[in-house]
Amino acid sequence: MKKASAKSNDDKDLYSGLIRLHILHHAARQPVFGLWFIEELARHGYKLSPGTLYPLLHGLEHKGYLRSTPKRLGKTSRRVYRATPLGRKALASAREKVSELFGELLEDK
């Protein structure tokens, strides 16, 4: 049986939905790419490797929330992600639910 700790790796499961919403939020504002997401999420304390991030992006794309297109920058090519109309609709719905939840979580402070 695992011991509970404040910095448990199991806590990552709690944040996976928040990370997906964060990705969707930025992809709805502007076209973004994988390395940018890794850096942006790191600014908020999430340390994701490409091996963790890209499956999340592909999953969101598979569900129809994101659409990606290749973009050439000189000799480099990167995949750029944008939110789809379905992704924007899901984000709007999530905003209401997250706002309500955070209100409850913070009212006890």
C-alpha atoms as a PDB file:
ATOM      1  CA  MET A   1       0.000   0.000   0.000  1.00  0.00           C
ATOM      2  CA  LYS A   2       1.302   3.460  -0.942  1.00  0.00           C
ATOM      3  CA  LYS A   3       1.885   6.151   1.637  1.00  0.00           C
ATOM      4  CA  ALA A   4       0.088   9.425   1.067  1.00  0.00           C
ATOM      5  CA  SER A   5       2.288  12.470   0.700  1.00  0.00           C
ATOM      6  CA  ALA A   6       1.746  16.110  -0.159  1.00  0.00           C
ATOM      7  CA  LYS A   7       3.889  15.776  -3.285  1.00  0.00           C
ATOM      8  CA  SER A   8       2.576  12.430  -4.451  1.00  0.00           C
ATOM      9  CA  ASN A   9       2.771  11.593  -8.144  1.00  0.00           C
ATOM     10  CA  ASP A  10      -0.831  10.422  -7.811  1.00  0.00           C
ATOM     11  CA  ASP A  11      -1.850  14.090  -7.568  1.00  0.00           C
ATOM     12  CA  LYS A  12      -1.088  14.411 -11.287  1.00  0.00           C
ATOM     13  CA  ASP A  13      -4.382  12.646 -12.000  1.00  0.00           C
ATOM     14  CA  LEU A  14      -6.228  15.514 -10.308  1.00  0.00           C
ATOM     15  CA  TYR A  15      -4.656  18.064 -12.636  1.00  0.00           C
ATOM     16  CA  SER A  16      -4.973  16.318 -15.990  1.00  0.00           C
ATOM     17  CA  GLY A  17      -8.377  17.863 -16.668  1.00  0.00           C
ATOM     18  CA  LEU A  18      -7.078  21.313 -15.737  1.00  0.00           C
ATOM     19  CA  ILE A  19      -4.168  20.875 -18.120  1.00  0.00           C
ATOM     20  CA  ARG A  20      -6.550  19.928 -20.935  1.00  0.00           C
ATOM     21  CA  LEU A  21      -8.655  23.022 -20.225  1.00  0.00           C
ATOM     22  CA  HIS A  22      -5.540  25.183 -20.142  1.00  0.00           C
ATOM     23  CA  ILE A  23      -4.516  23.806 -23.541  1.00  0.00           C
ATOM     24  CA  LEU A  24      -7.980  24.390 -24.972  1.00  0.00           C
ATOM     25  CA  HIS A  25      -8.086  27.918 -23.546  1.00  0.00           C
ATOM     26  CA  HIS A  26      -4.866  28.939 -25.298  1.00  0.00           C
ATOM     27  CA  ALA A  27      -5.698  27.136 -28.540  1.00  0.00           C
ATOM     28  CA  ALA A  28      -8.969  29.093 -28.651  1.00  0.00           C
ATOM     29  CA  ARG A  29      -7.083  32.394 -28.355  1.00  0.00           C
ATOM     30  CA  GLN A  30      -4.342  31.807 -30.929  1.00  0.00           C
ATOM     31  CA  PRO A  31      -2.594  29.068 -32.901  1.00  0.00           C
ATOM     32  CA  VAL A  32      -0.058  27.351 -30.629  1.00  0.00           C
ATOM     33  CA  PHE A  33       2.469  24.514 -30.852  1.00  0.00           C
ATOM     34  CA  GLY A  34       3.713  21.779 -28.534  1.00  0.00           C
ATOM     35  CA  LEU A  35       6.920  23.321 -27.173  1.00  0.00           C
ATOM     36  CA  TRP A  36       5.058  26.559 -26.447  1.00  0.00           C
ATOM     37  CA  PHE A  37       2.537  24.565 -24.385  1.00  0.00           C
ATOM     38  CA  ILE A  38       5.321  22.857 -22.431  1.00  0.00           C
ATOM     39  CA  GLU A  39       6.826  26.263 -21.581  1.00  0.00           C
ATOM     40  CA  GLU A  40       3.461  27.863 -20.796  1.00  0.00           C
ATOM     41  CA  LEU A  41       2.350  25.029 -18.535  1.00  0.00           C
ATOM     42  CA  ALA A  42       5.758  25.079 -16.772  1.00  0.00           C
ATOM     43  CA  ARG A  43       5.101  28.734 -15.890  1.00  0.00           C
ATOM     44  CA  HIS A  44       2.080  27.473 -13.951  1.00  0.00           C
ATOM     45  CA  GLY A  45       3.957  24.675 -12.199  1.00  0.00           C
ATOM     46  CA  TYR A  46       3.074  21.799 -14.541  1.00  0.00           C
ATOM     47  CA  LYS A  47       6.139  19.907 -15.690  1.00  0.00           C
ATOM     48  CA  LEU A  48       5.172  17.992 -18.822  1.00  0.00           C
ATOM     49  CA  SER A  49       7.472  16.157 -21.145  1.00  0.00           C
ATOM     50  CA  PRO A  50       6.748  15.872 -24.868  1.00  0.00           C
ATOM     51  CA  GLY A  51       5.868  12.224 -24.173  1.00  0.00           C
ATOM     52  CA  THR A  52       3.079  13.399 -21.886  1.00  0.00           C
ATOM     53  CA  LEU A  53       1.933  16.478 -23.788  1.00  0.00           C
ATOM     54  CA  TYR A  54       1.618  15.089 -27.298  1.00  0.00           C
ATOM     55  CA  PRO A  55      -0.742  12.257 -26.342  1.00  0.00           C
ATOM     56  CA  LEU A  56      -2.934  14.903 -24.624  1.00  0.00           C
ATOM     57  CA  LEU A  57      -2.914  17.050 -27.772  1.00  0.00           C
ATOM     58  CA  HIS A  58      -3.649  14.049 -29.993  1.00  0.00           C
ATOM     59  CA  GLY A  59      -6.479  12.981 -27.692  1.00  0.00           C
ATOM     60  CA  LEU A  60      -8.055  16.454 -27.815  1.00  0.00           C
ATOM     61  CA  GLU A  61      -7.672  16.431 -31.579  1.00  0.00           C
ATOM     62  CA  HIS A  62      -9.167  12.947 -31.875  1.00  0.00           C
ATOM     63  CA  LYS A  63     -12.212  14.091 -29.870  1.00  0.00           C
ATOM     64  CA  GLY A  64     -12.651  17.049 -32.204  1.00  0.00           C
ATOM     65  CA  TYR A  65     -11.671  19.815 -29.746  1.00  0.00           C
ATOM     66  CA  LEU A  66      -8.454  20.745 -31.564  1.00  0.00           C
ATOM     67  CA  ARG A  67      -7.337  20.775 -35.174  1.00  0.00           C
ATOM     68  CA  SER A  68      -3.679  20.743 -36.118  1.00  0.00           C
ATOM     69  CA  THR A  69      -1.913  21.740 -39.290  1.00  0.00           C
ATOM     70  CA  PRO A  70       1.753  21.545 -40.210  1.00  0.00           C
ATOM     71  CA  LYS A  71       3.503  24.895 -40.479  1.00  0.00           C
ATOM     72  CA  ARG A  72       6.888  25.416 -42.073  1.00  0.00           C
ATOM     73  CA  LEU A  73       9.287  27.872 -40.433  1.00  0.00           C
ATOM     74  CA  GLY A  74      12.431  27.955 -42.539  1.00  0.00           C
ATOM     75  CA  LYS A  75      13.881  24.458 -42.464  1.00  0.00           C
ATOM     76  CA  THR A  76      11.791  23.495 -39.471  1.00  0.00           C
ATOM     77  CA  SER A  77       8.262  22.183 -39.533  1.00  0.00           C
ATOM     78  CA  ARG A  78       5.994  22.188 -36.506  1.00  0.00           C
ATOM     79  CA  ARG A  79       2.406  21.228 -35.894  1.00  0.00           C
ATOM     80  CA  VAL A  80       0.179  24.152 -34.924  1.00  0.00           C
ATOM     81  CA  TYR A  81      -2.976  23.582 -32.879  1.00  0.00           C
ATOM     82  CA  ARG A  82      -6.207  25.601 -32.915  1.00  0.00           C
ATOM     83  CA  ALA A  83      -9.480  25.060 -31.102  1.00  0.00           C
ATOM     84  CA  THR A  84     -12.362  23.897 -33.287  1.00  0.00           C
ATOM     85  CA  PRO A  85     -15.933  25.200 -32.944  1.00  0.00           C
ATOM     86  CA  LEU A  86     -16.654  22.089 -30.844  1.00  0.00           C
ATOM     87  CA  GLY A  87     -13.622  22.879 -28.669  1.00  0.00           C
ATOM     88  CA  ARG A  88     -14.771  26.465 -28.190  1.00  0.00           C
ATOM     89  CA  LYS A  89     -18.241  25.278 -27.203  1.00  0.00           C
ATOM     90  CA  ALA A  90     -16.796  22.757 -24.739  1.00  0.00           C
ATOM     91  CA  LEU A  91     -14.522  25.453 -23.289  1.00  0.00           C
ATOM     92  CA  ALA A  92     -17.470  27.810 -22.748  1.00  0.00           C
ATOM     93  CA  SER A  93     -19.350  25.064 -20.918  1.00  0.00           C
ATOM     94  CA  ALA A  94     -16.283  24.150 -18.868  1.00  0.00           C
ATOM     95  CA  ARG A  95     -15.779  27.785 -17.822  1.00  0.00           C
ATOM     96  CA  GLU A  96     -19.155  27.781 -16.084  1.00  0.00           C
ATOM     97  CA  LYS A  97     -18.493  24.483 -14.320  1.00  0.00           C
ATOM     98  CA  VAL A  98     -14.947  25.412 -13.307  1.00  0.00           C
ATOM     99  CA  SER A  99     -16.096  28.786 -11.986  1.00  0.00           C
ATOM    100  CA  GLU A 100     -18.733  27.119  -9.823  1.00  0.00           C
ATOM    101  CA  LEU A 101     -16.291  24.478  -8.558  1.00  0.00           C
ATOM    102  CA  PHE A 102     -13.544  26.977  -7.769  1.00  0.00           C
ATOM    103  CA  GLY A 103     -16.065  29.123  -5.924  1.00  0.00           C
ATOM    104  CA  GLU A 104     -16.867  26.173  -3.695  1.00  0.00           C
ATOM    105  CA  LEU A 105     -13.219  25.188  -3.237  1.00  0.00           C
ATOM    106  CA  LEU A 106     -12.204  28.710  -2.237  1.00  0.00           C
ATOM    107  CA  GLU A 107     -15.159  29.595  -0.020  1.00  0.00           C
ATOM    108  CA  ASP A 108     -13.691  27.527   2.830  1.00  0.00           C
ATOM    109  CA  LYS A 109     -10.447  29.525   2.871  1.00  0.00           C
END
